[in-house]
Structures are given as structure tokens and as C-alpha cells.
């Protein structure tokens, strides 16, 4: 038999056989195909979110779970106060689902970013909205003990505000709630999921606050000498006296007169430790440490993480508990 003819016959038989299959089989196949299509359509892309502070990133991830993919746009070792995003980064923010920032002047670039993206439909969450800030001069040292009135804390209209609110576990509850509300607006189908995760985060923050209270009670001293004034909220909540070498921003360095006042204070109170931050160095504080012969200890300010901390799987709570252990050493 001719080879071409044989192939033609085989092909015809295959077509006939295929056409002869039962209608039930066709329906089953169609049903399976339909189910597969539905399954593909039900896979949701996570919300792509940009933020500026590690603490906020961690809260977003804890509340959003698999429904969020978060990028911290501030590089390690860079101060958020003075950071300026590149054009590429601004484009990436514009193409994201949301931009979450702290506010109250923490990120100096936010106003210009908002202006640049005013024609874009970018969802923005100011995490510190409604938070009771501590007012004060972005100054140094001996003025940084807790002496602010209730009315001053709640004012948003005058003076400089300490933007480092996330180091206070109780104020962080408001940050987390604002994030939860924003995620719910973006993804209302997961409202219950976000709410449950927020409530767990709130409980964890309240537990952390209790641990701070216990660690800072009945100590030998209440002064902490810090490289920069990023711990005013600890001073207020846990009755500590923050003595700082630089102001709210590390670039705000002390005058020679202020350095002399610091030296007098540290000697009078037998200050033996200076608390630095691991993610950046402050040269003035390093020089002051050498001058007074103090030991350097380190705090985690939760602004951003180093590569080794990321690799170790550190989160807000693990680093804050390391801060508690450091405070125990300094205060006792």
C-alpha cells in the first residue's frame, strides 16, 4: 500500500474515533478546562507597596501577609531625613499599588515626591496620621529630657516634632491601624484577614511595652547618652532622660559650647556608655566617646536593616528586645 495513502487512512480513523467520543466525555473535558481557567483567574497578584522605614515595612508584612510585596526604598546606611529618590525610584513608586511613609518630616523628600506624582493615581498612606507627637526643638543634649505637656504632644501645628514614633510600642499601634485601614481600602475582600493580623500585632506591641516598662523600672540611673536624639518617646513613656549629642537629625551637630556642657554632665553623672546606631556612624559622637572614655553600645533604630540582620531573619520585635537588653546594661 502506498505510504501516503496509509497515513491518510490512519488520520481519517483518528478523526472518526475522536468524533465518536461520548458527549459525557466532552462535557467532562469542558468542565475541567473551565475549572482550570477559574483557578488561574483566582490567583491574585500581591499588592506592590513601597515604604521608607523598616518598622513600617515589618508592620505592612505582618498585617498583609501573602497579599503584599513590600520594598523599602531607603538604602542601608542612608538617613531618611536627607534621602532623595532617583527618577527611576520615583517611577517605580508611581507604578506601585501604594506608598506608605511615616510623615511629620521623617522623610524630607515626600513633599517633592507628592508634587512630582500629583497626576498619578498612587495610593498614599501616612502611617503617623493621628499619632500624638512630642514637640521640641531639634536641638541637643540636656534639653531632651521629658518635659512636654499633654497639649504639646497633641499639637501638629508648631515647632519641630520628633518623627521617630515607631520606637514607642504604644504609638506603633496607631501606625499599624492606619496601615491596616489602607490595606483594607485597597483590598476590601481581605478585610477580616487584615483585621485579625492587626489585632495580633496590637497584642504583641502591648506585650513589648510591658517588657520595656519592666526593664526600665527600679534602675540605678535613668540617663541614656545617645548619638542622636531618636529616643524621645522612650524618655517620655518610660521616664528616662535622653541626653543626645546631635539633634532629631544626625546632621544637626552640637556647638562647642554644647559639647562642653555635655562633658560636664556626663562626668557629673558618671556616664559610662554612649549608645550608637548600627546603620550609620556619627563622627561627632565617635570623637566625643574617645574624649570622655565611654564604652560604645548599640541600639537598633528600626529605620532600616543591614544585610546581616536581614539574613538572620530579624524583625521589629527581635530587634526591640535586643534594645531592651542594651538598656538594662546602661541603666544598671
C-alpha atoms as a PDB file:
ATOM      1  CA  UNK A   1       0.000   0.000   0.000  1.00  0.00           C
ATOM      2  CA  UNK A   2       1.181   3.481  -0.844  1.00  0.00           C
ATOM      3  CA  UNK A   3       2.736   5.175   2.209  1.00  0.00           C
ATOM      4  CA  UNK A   4       0.871   8.449   1.681  1.00  0.00           C
ATOM      5  CA  UNK A   5      -2.428   6.586   1.414  1.00  0.00           C
ATOM      6  CA  UNK A   6      -1.689   4.676   4.626  1.00  0.00           C
ATOM      7  CA  UNK A   7      -1.074   7.907   6.501  1.00  0.00           C
ATOM      8  CA  UNK A   8      -4.301   9.350   5.110  1.00  0.00           C
ATOM      9  CA  UNK A   9      -6.317   6.342   6.305  1.00  0.00           C
ATOM     10  CA  UNK A  10      -4.770   6.428   9.767  1.00  0.00           C
ATOM     11  CA  UNK A  11      -5.508  10.151  10.032  1.00  0.00           C
ATOM     12  CA  UNK A  12      -9.108   9.607   8.948  1.00  0.00           C
ATOM     13  CA  UNK A  13      -9.599   6.835  11.513  1.00  0.00           C
ATOM     14  CA  UNK A  14      -8.221   9.065  14.275  1.00  0.00           C
ATOM     15  CA  UNK A  15     -10.623  11.851  13.351  1.00  0.00           C
ATOM     16  CA  UNK A  16     -13.584   9.459  13.260  1.00  0.00           C
ATOM     17  CA  UNK A  17     -12.582   7.985  16.613  1.00  0.00           C
ATOM     18  CA  UNK A  18     -12.270  11.447  18.132  1.00  0.00           C
ATOM     19  CA  UNK A  19     -15.650  12.468  16.792  1.00  0.00           C
ATOM     20  CA  UNK A  20     -17.169   9.274  18.144  1.00  0.00           C
ATOM     21  CA  UNK A  21     -16.349  10.001  21.786  1.00  0.00           C
ATOM     22  CA  UNK A  22     -19.303  10.372  24.060  1.00  0.00           C
ATOM     23  CA  UNK A  23     -20.858  13.728  24.796  1.00  0.00           C
ATOM     24  CA  UNK A  24     -20.282  12.996  28.501  1.00  0.00           C
ATOM     25  CA  UNK A  25     -16.532  12.952  27.870  1.00  0.00           C
ATOM     26  CA  UNK A  26     -16.743  16.277  26.065  1.00  0.00           C
ATOM     27  CA  UNK A  27     -18.707  17.781  28.913  1.00  0.00           C
ATOM     28  CA  UNK A  28     -16.183  16.428  31.428  1.00  0.00           C
ATOM     29  CA  UNK A  29     -13.291  17.887  29.446  1.00  0.00           C
ATOM     30  CA  UNK A  30     -15.035  21.233  29.114  1.00  0.00           C
ATOM     31  CA  UNK A  31     -15.771  21.246  32.828  1.00  0.00           C
ATOM     32  CA  UNK A  32     -12.114  20.525  33.654  1.00  0.00           C
ATOM     33  CA  UNK A  33     -10.961  23.284  31.314  1.00  0.00           C
ATOM     34  CA  UNK A  34     -13.425  25.684  32.901  1.00  0.00           C
ATOM     35  CA  UNK A  35     -12.230  24.755  36.388  1.00  0.00           C
ATOM     36  CA  UNK A  36      -8.623  25.312  35.372  1.00  0.00           C
ATOM     37  CA  UNK A  37      -9.498  28.724  33.953  1.00  0.00           C
ATOM     38  CA  UNK A  38     -11.244  29.744  37.179  1.00  0.00           C
ATOM     39  CA  UNK A  39      -8.261  28.565  39.216  1.00  0.00           C
ATOM     40  CA  UNK A  40      -5.896  30.677  37.131  1.00  0.00           C
ATOM     41  CA  UNK A  41      -8.121  33.729  37.422  1.00  0.00           C
ATOM     42  CA  UNK A  42      -8.421  33.321  41.211  1.00  0.00           C
ATOM     43  CA  UNK A  43      -4.659  33.706  41.756  1.00  0.00           C
ATOM     44  CA  UNK A  44      -4.305  37.343  42.849  1.00  0.00           C
ATOM     45  CA  UNK A  45      -1.137  39.353  42.474  1.00  0.00           C
ATOM     46  CA  UNK A  46       0.084  40.745  45.811  1.00  0.00           C
ATOM     47  CA  UNK A  47      -0.117  44.484  46.377  1.00  0.00           C
ATOM     48  CA  UNK A  48       3.217  46.070  45.471  1.00  0.00           C
ATOM     49  CA  UNK A  49       3.992  48.593  48.202  1.00  0.00           C
ATOM     50  CA  UNK A  50       6.898  50.983  48.666  1.00  0.00           C
ATOM     51  CA  UNK A  51       7.817  52.337  52.079  1.00  0.00           C
ATOM     52  CA  UNK A  52      10.584  54.288  53.810  1.00  0.00           C
ATOM     53  CA  UNK A  53      11.176  52.790  57.269  1.00  0.00           C
ATOM     54  CA  UNK A  54      11.869  49.175  58.215  1.00  0.00           C
ATOM     55  CA  UNK A  55       9.403  49.283  61.117  1.00  0.00           C
ATOM     56  CA  UNK A  56       6.634  50.228  58.674  1.00  0.00           C
ATOM     57  CA  UNK A  57       7.760  47.522  56.246  1.00  0.00           C
ATOM     58  CA  UNK A  58       7.545  44.932  59.008  1.00  0.00           C
ATOM     59  CA  UNK A  59       4.080  46.093  60.091  1.00  0.00           C
ATOM     60  CA  UNK A  60       2.830  46.012  56.486  1.00  0.00           C
ATOM     61  CA  UNK A  61       4.145  42.472  56.030  1.00  0.00           C
ATOM     62  CA  UNK A  62       2.712  41.267  59.336  1.00  0.00           C
ATOM     63  CA  UNK A  63      -0.737  42.676  58.545  1.00  0.00           C
ATOM     64  CA  UNK A  64      -0.780  41.975  54.805  1.00  0.00           C
ATOM     65  CA  UNK A  65       0.842  38.543  54.807  1.00  0.00           C
ATOM     66  CA  UNK A  66       0.893  36.952  51.328  1.00  0.00           C
ATOM     67  CA  UNK A  67      -1.242  39.777  49.941  1.00  0.00           C
ATOM     68  CA  UNK A  68       1.628  42.293  49.990  1.00  0.00           C
ATOM     69  CA  UNK A  69       5.083  42.611  48.492  1.00  0.00           C
ATOM     70  CA  UNK A  70       6.996  45.413  50.226  1.00  0.00           C
ATOM     71  CA  UNK A  71      10.092  47.350  49.176  1.00  0.00           C
ATOM     72  CA  UNK A  72      11.950  49.739  51.485  1.00  0.00           C
ATOM     73  CA  UNK A  73      13.260  52.428  49.153  1.00  0.00           C
ATOM     74  CA  UNK A  74      15.795  53.891  51.637  1.00  0.00           C
ATOM     75  CA  UNK A  75      19.216  52.225  51.202  1.00  0.00           C
ATOM     76  CA  UNK A  76      21.046  50.838  54.230  1.00  0.00           C
ATOM     77  CA  UNK A  77      23.191  53.475  55.907  1.00  0.00           C
ATOM     78  CA  UNK A  78      21.274  56.384  54.374  1.00  0.00           C
ATOM     79  CA  UNK A  79      19.386  58.832  56.583  1.00  0.00           C
ATOM     80  CA  UNK A  80      15.715  59.096  55.587  1.00  0.00           C
ATOM     81  CA  UNK A  81      15.748  62.757  56.667  1.00  0.00           C
ATOM     82  CA  UNK A  82      18.116  63.705  53.837  1.00  0.00           C
ATOM     83  CA  UNK A  83      17.498  60.942  51.282  1.00  0.00           C
ATOM     84  CA  UNK A  84      16.486  61.948  47.749  1.00  0.00           C
ATOM     85  CA  UNK A  85      14.990  59.275  45.456  1.00  0.00           C
ATOM     86  CA  UNK A  86      16.246  58.841  41.917  1.00  0.00           C
ATOM     87  CA  UNK A  87      13.980  59.359  38.913  1.00  0.00           C
ATOM     88  CA  UNK A  88      13.853  55.578  38.428  1.00  0.00           C
ATOM     89  CA  UNK A  89      12.721  55.099  42.041  1.00  0.00           C
ATOM     90  CA  UNK A  90      10.016  57.728  41.617  1.00  0.00           C
ATOM     91  CA  UNK A  91       8.772  55.896  38.535  1.00  0.00           C
ATOM     92  CA  UNK A  92       8.721  52.617  40.482  1.00  0.00           C
ATOM     93  CA  UNK A  93       6.698  54.265  43.261  1.00  0.00           C
ATOM     94  CA  UNK A  94       4.278  55.651  40.665  1.00  0.00           C
ATOM     95  CA  UNK A  95       3.797  52.159  39.222  1.00  0.00           C
ATOM     96  CA  UNK A  96       3.220  50.534  42.627  1.00  0.00           C
ATOM     97  CA  UNK A  97      -0.119  49.953  44.347  1.00  0.00           C
ATOM     98  CA  UNK A  98       0.698  52.102  47.376  1.00  0.00           C
ATOM     99  CA  UNK A  99       3.322  54.268  49.027  1.00  0.00           C
ATOM    100  CA  UNK A 100       3.470  54.099  52.840  1.00  0.00           C
ATOM    101  CA  UNK A 101       5.515  56.743  54.643  1.00  0.00           C
ATOM    102  CA  UNK A 102       5.906  57.799  58.261  1.00  0.00           C
ATOM    103  CA  UNK A 103       5.333  61.544  57.998  1.00  0.00           C
ATOM    104  CA  UNK A 104       5.996  64.504  60.303  1.00  0.00           C
ATOM    105  CA  UNK A 105       9.153  65.385  58.432  1.00  0.00           C
ATOM    106  CA  UNK A 106      10.813  61.990  58.778  1.00  0.00           C
ATOM    107  CA  UNK A 107      11.233  61.735  55.013  1.00  0.00           C
ATOM    108  CA  UNK A 108      12.395  65.075  53.644  1.00  0.00           C
ATOM    109  CA  UNK A 109      11.612  64.091  50.059  1.00  0.00           C
ATOM    110  CA  UNK A 110       7.914  63.263  50.475  1.00  0.00           C
ATOM    111  CA  UNK A 111       6.528  66.687  49.555  1.00  0.00           C
ATOM    112  CA  UNK A 112       8.545  66.827  46.329  1.00  0.00           C
ATOM    113  CA  UNK A 113       7.575  63.228  45.534  1.00  0.00           C
ATOM    114  CA  UNK A 114       3.894  64.055  46.024  1.00  0.00           C
ATOM    115  CA  UNK A 115       4.275  67.070  43.758  1.00  0.00           C
ATOM    116  CA  UNK A 116       6.044  65.043  41.078  1.00  0.00           C
ATOM    117  CA  UNK A 117       3.389  62.314  41.197  1.00  0.00           C
ATOM    118  CA  UNK A 118       0.375  64.612  41.514  1.00  0.00           C
ATOM    119  CA  UNK A 119      -1.025  63.409  38.171  1.00  0.00           C
ATOM    120  CA  UNK A 120      -0.536  59.730  39.018  1.00  0.00           C
ATOM    121  CA  UNK A 121      -3.149  57.597  40.734  1.00  0.00           C
ATOM    122  CA  UNK A 122      -0.846  56.473  43.535  1.00  0.00           C
ATOM    123  CA  UNK A 123      -2.435  55.432  46.830  1.00  0.00           C
ATOM    124  CA  UNK A 124      -0.544  57.015  49.743  1.00  0.00           C
ATOM    125  CA  UNK A 125      -0.746  56.099  53.425  1.00  0.00           C
ATOM    126  CA  UNK A 126       0.687  58.482  56.020  1.00  0.00           C
ATOM    127  CA  UNK A 127       1.251  55.955  58.786  1.00  0.00           C
ATOM    128  CA  UNK A 128       1.617  58.533  61.559  1.00  0.00           C
ATOM    129  CA  UNK A 129      -1.713  60.233  60.858  1.00  0.00           C
ATOM    130  CA  UNK A 130      -3.408  60.892  64.209  1.00  0.00           C
ATOM    131  CA  UNK A 131      -0.353  59.968  66.302  1.00  0.00           C
ATOM    132  CA  UNK A 132       0.413  62.138  69.348  1.00  0.00           C
ATOM    133  CA  UNK A 133       3.824  63.592  68.525  1.00  0.00           C
ATOM    134  CA  UNK A 134       6.258  65.035  71.023  1.00  0.00           C
ATOM    135  CA  UNK A 135       7.133  68.625  70.238  1.00  0.00           C
ATOM    136  CA  UNK A 136      10.537  70.120  70.831  1.00  0.00           C
ATOM    137  CA  UNK A 137      13.463  71.957  69.332  1.00  0.00           C
ATOM    138  CA  UNK A 138      15.690  69.890  67.066  1.00  0.00           C
ATOM    139  CA  UNK A 139      18.478  70.666  69.490  1.00  0.00           C
ATOM    140  CA  UNK A 140      20.869  68.753  71.663  1.00  0.00           C
ATOM    141  CA  UNK A 141      21.677  67.178  74.924  1.00  0.00           C
ATOM    142  CA  UNK A 142      20.285  68.493  78.140  1.00  0.00           C
ATOM    143  CA  UNK A 143      17.032  69.850  76.734  1.00  0.00           C
ATOM    144  CA  UNK A 144      15.909  66.360  75.716  1.00  0.00           C
ATOM    145  CA  UNK A 145      14.575  65.072  78.993  1.00  0.00           C
ATOM    146  CA  UNK A 146      10.834  64.530  79.146  1.00  0.00           C
ATOM    147  CA  UNK A 147       9.207  67.850  79.995  1.00  0.00           C
ATOM    148  CA  UNK A 148       6.436  68.160  77.438  1.00  0.00           C
ATOM    149  CA  UNK A 149       2.843  68.884  78.314  1.00  0.00           C
ATOM    150  CA  UNK A 150      -0.105  66.822  77.139  1.00  0.00           C
ATOM    151  CA  UNK A 151      -1.233  69.700  74.942  1.00  0.00           C
ATOM    152  CA  UNK A 152       2.209  69.976  73.320  1.00  0.00           C
ATOM    153  CA  UNK A 153       2.211  66.279  72.447  1.00  0.00           C
ATOM    154  CA  UNK A 154      -1.043  66.564  70.549  1.00  0.00           C
ATOM    155  CA  UNK A 155      -0.202  69.683  68.570  1.00  0.00           C
ATOM    156  CA  UNK A 156       0.633  69.283  64.890  1.00  0.00           C
ATOM    157  CA  UNK A 157       0.849  72.963  64.098  1.00  0.00           C
ATOM    158  CA  UNK A 158       4.026  74.371  65.617  1.00  0.00           C
ATOM    159  CA  UNK A 159       7.631  73.597  66.448  1.00  0.00           C
ATOM    160  CA  UNK A 160       9.683  70.590  65.475  1.00  0.00           C
ATOM    161  CA  UNK A 161       8.280  67.124  66.076  1.00  0.00           C
ATOM    162  CA  UNK A 162      10.268  64.018  66.833  1.00  0.00           C
ATOM    163  CA  UNK A 163       9.288  61.766  63.908  1.00  0.00           C
ATOM    164  CA  UNK A 164      10.713  58.515  65.364  1.00  0.00           C
ATOM    165  CA  UNK A 165       7.325  57.377  66.683  1.00  0.00           C
ATOM    166  CA  UNK A 166       7.751  53.696  65.773  1.00  0.00           C
ATOM    167  CA  UNK A 167      10.200  53.127  68.660  1.00  0.00           C
ATOM    168  CA  UNK A 168       7.228  53.574  71.018  1.00  0.00           C
ATOM    169  CA  UNK A 169       5.267  50.287  71.026  1.00  0.00           C
ATOM    170  CA  UNK A 170       2.029  52.003  72.045  1.00  0.00           C
ATOM    171  CA  UNK A 171       2.186  54.724  69.394  1.00  0.00           C
ATOM    172  CA  UNK A 172       3.089  51.998  66.911  1.00  0.00           C
ATOM    173  CA  UNK A 173      -0.405  50.586  67.368  1.00  0.00           C
ATOM    174  CA  UNK A 174      -1.756  53.705  65.632  1.00  0.00           C
ATOM    175  CA  UNK A 175       0.774  53.269  62.831  1.00  0.00           C
ATOM    176  CA  UNK A 176      -0.347  49.667  62.390  1.00  0.00           C
ATOM    177  CA  UNK A 177      -4.020  50.603  62.410  1.00  0.00           C
ATOM    178  CA  UNK A 178      -3.503  53.229  59.710  1.00  0.00           C
ATOM    179  CA  UNK A 179      -1.691  50.632  57.618  1.00  0.00           C
ATOM    180  CA  UNK A 180      -4.477  48.102  58.192  1.00  0.00           C
ATOM    181  CA  UNK A 181      -7.105  50.650  57.135  1.00  0.00           C
ATOM    182  CA  UNK A 182      -5.155  51.470  53.978  1.00  0.00           C
ATOM    183  CA  UNK A 183      -4.721  47.823  53.011  1.00  0.00           C
ATOM    184  CA  UNK A 184      -8.417  47.225  53.596  1.00  0.00           C
ATOM    185  CA  UNK A 185      -9.299  50.103  51.279  1.00  0.00           C
ATOM    186  CA  UNK A 186      -7.026  48.671  48.606  1.00  0.00           C
ATOM    187  CA  UNK A 187      -8.155  45.068  49.073  1.00  0.00           C
ATOM    188  CA  UNK A 188     -11.589  45.012  50.789  1.00  0.00           C
ATOM    189  CA  UNK A 189     -12.057  41.285  50.104  1.00  0.00           C
ATOM    190  CA  UNK A 190      -9.413  40.555  52.757  1.00  0.00           C
ATOM    191  CA  UNK A 191     -10.770  42.880  55.445  1.00  0.00           C
ATOM    192  CA  UNK A 192     -11.165  40.092  58.014  1.00  0.00           C
ATOM    193  CA  UNK A 193      -7.666  38.759  57.300  1.00  0.00           C
ATOM    194  CA  UNK A 194      -6.116  42.206  57.782  1.00  0.00           C
ATOM    195  CA  UNK A 195      -8.154  42.862  60.927  1.00  0.00           C
ATOM    196  CA  UNK A 196      -7.130  39.582  62.552  1.00  0.00           C
ATOM    197  CA  UNK A 197      -3.466  40.202  61.808  1.00  0.00           C
ATOM    198  CA  UNK A 198      -3.707  43.756  63.127  1.00  0.00           C
ATOM    199  CA  UNK A 199      -5.235  42.549  66.389  1.00  0.00           C
ATOM    200  CA  UNK A 200      -2.386  40.056  66.842  1.00  0.00           C
ATOM    201  CA  UNK A 201       0.162  42.787  66.112  1.00  0.00           C
ATOM    202  CA  UNK A 202      -1.539  45.091  68.614  1.00  0.00           C
ATOM    203  CA  UNK A 203      -1.365  42.416  71.312  1.00  0.00           C
ATOM    204  CA  UNK A 204       2.333  41.842  70.570  1.00  0.00           C
ATOM    205  CA  UNK A 205       3.050  45.579  70.808  1.00  0.00           C
ATOM    206  CA  UNK A 206       1.273  45.794  74.160  1.00  0.00           C
ATOM    207  CA  UNK A 207       3.354  42.875  75.434  1.00  0.00           C
ATOM    208  CA  UNK A 208       6.529  44.601  74.220  1.00  0.00           C
ATOM    209  CA  UNK A 209       5.529  47.784  76.030  1.00  0.00           C
ATOM    210  CA  UNK A 210       5.144  45.814  79.267  1.00  0.00           C
ATOM    211  CA  UNK A 211       8.648  44.380  78.778  1.00  0.00           C
ATOM    212  CA  UNK A 212      10.085  47.887  78.304  1.00  0.00           C
ATOM    213  CA  UNK A 213       8.287  49.095  81.421  1.00  0.00           C
ATOM    214  CA  UNK A 214       9.689  46.248  83.497  1.00  0.00           C
ATOM    215  CA  UNK A 215      13.231  46.741  82.157  1.00  0.00           C
ATOM    216  CA  UNK A 216      13.295  50.479  82.886  1.00  0.00           C
ATOM    217  CA  UNK A 217      11.726  50.357  86.352  1.00  0.00           C
ATOM    218  CA  UNK A 218      13.752  50.455  89.590  1.00  0.00           C
ATOM    219  CA  UNK A 219      17.082  51.001  87.833  1.00  0.00           C
ATOM    220  CA  UNK A 220      20.251  52.606  89.213  1.00  0.00           C
ATOM    221  CA  UNK A 221      20.057  55.519  86.782  1.00  0.00           C
ATOM    222  CA  UNK A 222      17.638  56.927  84.243  1.00  0.00           C
ATOM    223  CA  UNK A 223      20.009  58.771  81.876  1.00  0.00           C
ATOM    224  CA  UNK A 224      20.864  57.478  78.423  1.00  0.00           C
ATOM    225  CA  UNK A 225      23.560  59.202  76.349  1.00  0.00           C
ATOM    226  CA  UNK A 226      22.716  58.714  72.676  1.00  0.00           C
ATOM    227  CA  UNK A 227      24.472  59.673  69.468  1.00  0.00           C
ATOM    228  CA  UNK A 228      21.326  61.321  68.124  1.00  0.00           C
ATOM    229  CA  UNK A 229      18.004  62.313  69.638  1.00  0.00           C
ATOM    230  CA  UNK A 230      15.921  59.495  68.212  1.00  0.00           C
ATOM    231  CA  UNK A 231      14.627  58.132  71.523  1.00  0.00           C
ATOM    232  CA  UNK A 232      12.463  60.922  72.921  1.00  0.00           C
ATOM    233  CA  UNK A 233       9.457  58.597  73.001  1.00  0.00           C
ATOM    234  CA  UNK A 234      11.277  56.174  75.306  1.00  0.00           C
ATOM    235  CA  UNK A 235      12.149  59.108  77.553  1.00  0.00           C
ATOM    236  CA  UNK A 236       8.504  60.133  77.708  1.00  0.00           C
ATOM    237  CA  UNK A 237       6.920  56.734  78.161  1.00  0.00           C
ATOM    238  CA  UNK A 238       9.488  55.064  80.404  1.00  0.00           C
ATOM    239  CA  UNK A 239      10.599  58.086  82.453  1.00  0.00           C
ATOM    240  CA  UNK A 240      14.121  58.253  81.063  1.00  0.00           C
ATOM    241  CA  UNK A 241      16.372  61.246  80.465  1.00  0.00           C
ATOM    242  CA  UNK A 242      17.700  61.261  76.917  1.00  0.00           C
ATOM    243  CA  UNK A 243      20.995  63.123  76.600  1.00  0.00           C
ATOM    244  CA  UNK A 244      21.880  63.477  72.920  1.00  0.00           C
ATOM    245  CA  UNK A 245      24.983  64.548  71.060  1.00  0.00           C
ATOM    246  CA  UNK A 246      23.142  65.503  67.858  1.00  0.00           C
ATOM    247  CA  UNK A 247      19.523  66.529  67.330  1.00  0.00           C
ATOM    248  CA  UNK A 248      16.491  64.780  65.811  1.00  0.00           C
ATOM    249  CA  UNK A 249      18.536  64.539  62.612  1.00  0.00           C
ATOM    250  CA  UNK A 250      22.141  63.268  62.905  1.00  0.00           C
ATOM    251  CA  UNK A 251      23.329  66.131  60.685  1.00  0.00           C
ATOM    252  CA  UNK A 252      22.302  68.664  63.348  1.00  0.00           C
ATOM    253  CA  UNK A 253      25.600  68.738  65.227  1.00  0.00           C
ATOM    254  CA  UNK A 254      26.292  70.459  68.569  1.00  0.00           C
ATOM    255  CA  UNK A 255      28.218  73.674  69.066  1.00  0.00           C
ATOM    256  CA  UNK A 256      31.464  73.741  71.019  1.00  0.00           C
ATOM    257  CA  UNK A 257      29.578  75.176  73.993  1.00  0.00           C
ATOM    258  CA  UNK A 258      27.071  72.322  73.901  1.00  0.00           C
ATOM    259  CA  UNK A 259      29.900  69.789  73.757  1.00  0.00           C
ATOM    260  CA  UNK A 260      31.409  71.327  76.890  1.00  0.00           C
ATOM    261  CA  UNK A 261      28.026  71.149  78.638  1.00  0.00           C
ATOM    262  CA  UNK A 262      27.753  67.503  77.627  1.00  0.00           C
ATOM    263  CA  UNK A 263      31.166  66.710  79.017  1.00  0.00           C
ATOM    264  CA  UNK A 264      30.314  68.371  82.328  1.00  0.00           C
ATOM    265  CA  UNK A 265      27.032  66.465  82.533  1.00  0.00           C
ATOM    266  CA  UNK A 266      28.499  63.063  81.697  1.00  0.00           C
ATOM    267  CA  UNK A 267      31.267  63.426  84.271  1.00  0.00           C
ATOM    268  CA  UNK A 268      28.866  64.618  86.973  1.00  0.00           C
ATOM    269  CA  UNK A 269      26.569  61.634  86.382  1.00  0.00           C
ATOM    270  CA  UNK A 270      29.330  59.083  85.758  1.00  0.00           C
ATOM    271  CA  UNK A 271      28.009  58.229  82.287  1.00  0.00           C
ATOM    272  CA  UNK A 272      29.944  55.184  81.071  1.00  0.00           C
ATOM    273  CA  UNK A 273      28.204  54.316  77.797  1.00  0.00           C
ATOM    274  CA  UNK A 274      27.281  56.064  74.570  1.00  0.00           C
ATOM    275  CA  UNK A 275      24.501  54.490  72.538  1.00  0.00           C
ATOM    276  CA  UNK A 276      25.192  54.454  68.811  1.00  0.00           C
ATOM    277  CA  UNK A 277      23.094  53.110  65.946  1.00  0.00           C
ATOM    278  CA  UNK A 278      24.339  50.282  63.779  1.00  0.00           C
ATOM    279  CA  UNK A 279      23.068  51.509  60.435  1.00  0.00           C
ATOM    280  CA  UNK A 280      25.120  54.704  60.311  1.00  0.00           C
ATOM    281  CA  UNK A 281      28.026  56.426  62.021  1.00  0.00           C
ATOM    282  CA  UNK A 282      28.064  59.911  63.562  1.00  0.00           C
ATOM    283  CA  UNK A 283      31.594  61.288  63.593  1.00  0.00           C
ATOM    284  CA  UNK A 284      30.966  63.877  66.327  1.00  0.00           C
ATOM    285  CA  UNK A 285      29.655  61.183  68.655  1.00  0.00           C
ATOM    286  CA  UNK A 286      32.661  58.968  67.887  1.00  0.00           C
ATOM    287  CA  UNK A 287      35.008  61.811  68.826  1.00  0.00           C
ATOM    288  CA  UNK A 288      33.030  62.530  71.994  1.00  0.00           C
ATOM    289  CA  UNK A 289      33.256  58.872  73.022  1.00  0.00           C
ATOM    290  CA  UNK A 290      37.036  58.984  72.758  1.00  0.00           C
ATOM    291  CA  UNK A 291      37.165  62.265  74.670  1.00  0.00           C
ATOM    292  CA  UNK A 292      35.271  61.003  77.719  1.00  0.00           C
ATOM    293  CA  UNK A 293      36.480  57.396  77.550  1.00  0.00           C
ATOM    294  CA  UNK A 294      32.986  55.907  77.321  1.00  0.00           C
ATOM    295  CA  UNK A 295      32.127  52.438  76.032  1.00  0.00           C
ATOM    296  CA  UNK A 296      30.109  52.196  72.823  1.00  0.00           C
ATOM    297  CA  UNK A 297      26.920  50.145  72.877  1.00  0.00           C
ATOM    298  CA  UNK A 298      24.461  49.897  70.026  1.00  0.00           C
ATOM    299  CA  UNK A 299      20.743  50.385  69.552  1.00  0.00           C
ATOM    300  CA  UNK A 300      18.564  49.422  66.619  1.00  0.00           C
ATOM    301  CA  UNK A 301      16.579  52.454  65.485  1.00  0.00           C
ATOM    302  CA  UNK A 302      14.382  50.316  63.177  1.00  0.00           C
ATOM    303  CA  UNK A 303      14.808  52.753  60.264  1.00  0.00           C
ATOM    304  CA  UNK A 304      16.478  50.123  58.097  1.00  0.00           C
ATOM    305  CA  UNK A 305      18.421  46.885  58.440  1.00  0.00           C
ATOM    306  CA  UNK A 306      21.893  45.785  57.458  1.00  0.00           C
ATOM    307  CA  UNK A 307      22.391  42.740  55.240  1.00  0.00           C
ATOM    308  CA  UNK A 308      23.396  40.518  58.161  1.00  0.00           C
ATOM    309  CA  UNK A 309      20.227  41.393  60.081  1.00  0.00           C
ATOM    310  CA  UNK A 310      18.100  40.607  57.048  1.00  0.00           C
ATOM    311  CA  UNK A 311      19.913  37.277  56.613  1.00  0.00           C
ATOM    312  CA  UNK A 312      19.316  36.459  60.285  1.00  0.00           C
ATOM    313  CA  UNK A 313      15.566  36.999  59.858  1.00  0.00           C
ATOM    314  CA  UNK A 314      15.385  39.841  62.376  1.00  0.00           C
ATOM    315  CA  UNK A 315      12.089  41.677  62.741  1.00  0.00           C
ATOM    316  CA  UNK A 316      10.741  44.637  64.713  1.00  0.00           C
ATOM    317  CA  UNK A 317      10.216  42.606  67.870  1.00  0.00           C
ATOM    318  CA  UNK A 318      13.525  40.742  67.910  1.00  0.00           C
ATOM    319  CA  UNK A 319      15.458  43.994  67.483  1.00  0.00           C
ATOM    320  CA  UNK A 320      13.403  45.876  70.048  1.00  0.00           C
ATOM    321  CA  UNK A 321      14.086  43.109  72.566  1.00  0.00           C
ATOM    322  CA  UNK A 322      17.799  43.496  71.856  1.00  0.00           C
ATOM    323  CA  UNK A 323      17.319  47.198  72.598  1.00  0.00           C
ATOM    324  CA  UNK A 324      15.758  46.258  75.932  1.00  0.00           C
ATOM    325  CA  UNK A 325      18.820  44.199  76.858  1.00  0.00           C
ATOM    326  CA  UNK A 326      21.091  47.120  75.961  1.00  0.00           C
ATOM    327  CA  UNK A 327      19.027  49.489  78.102  1.00  0.00           C
ATOM    328  CA  UNK A 328      19.305  47.099  81.039  1.00  0.00           C
ATOM    329  CA  UNK A 329      23.094  47.305  80.773  1.00  0.00           C
ATOM    330  CA  UNK A 330      23.159  51.104  80.546  1.00  0.00           C
ATOM    331  CA  UNK A 331      20.628  51.769  83.301  1.00  0.00           C
ATOM    332  CA  UNK A 332      22.141  49.350  85.802  1.00  0.00           C
END
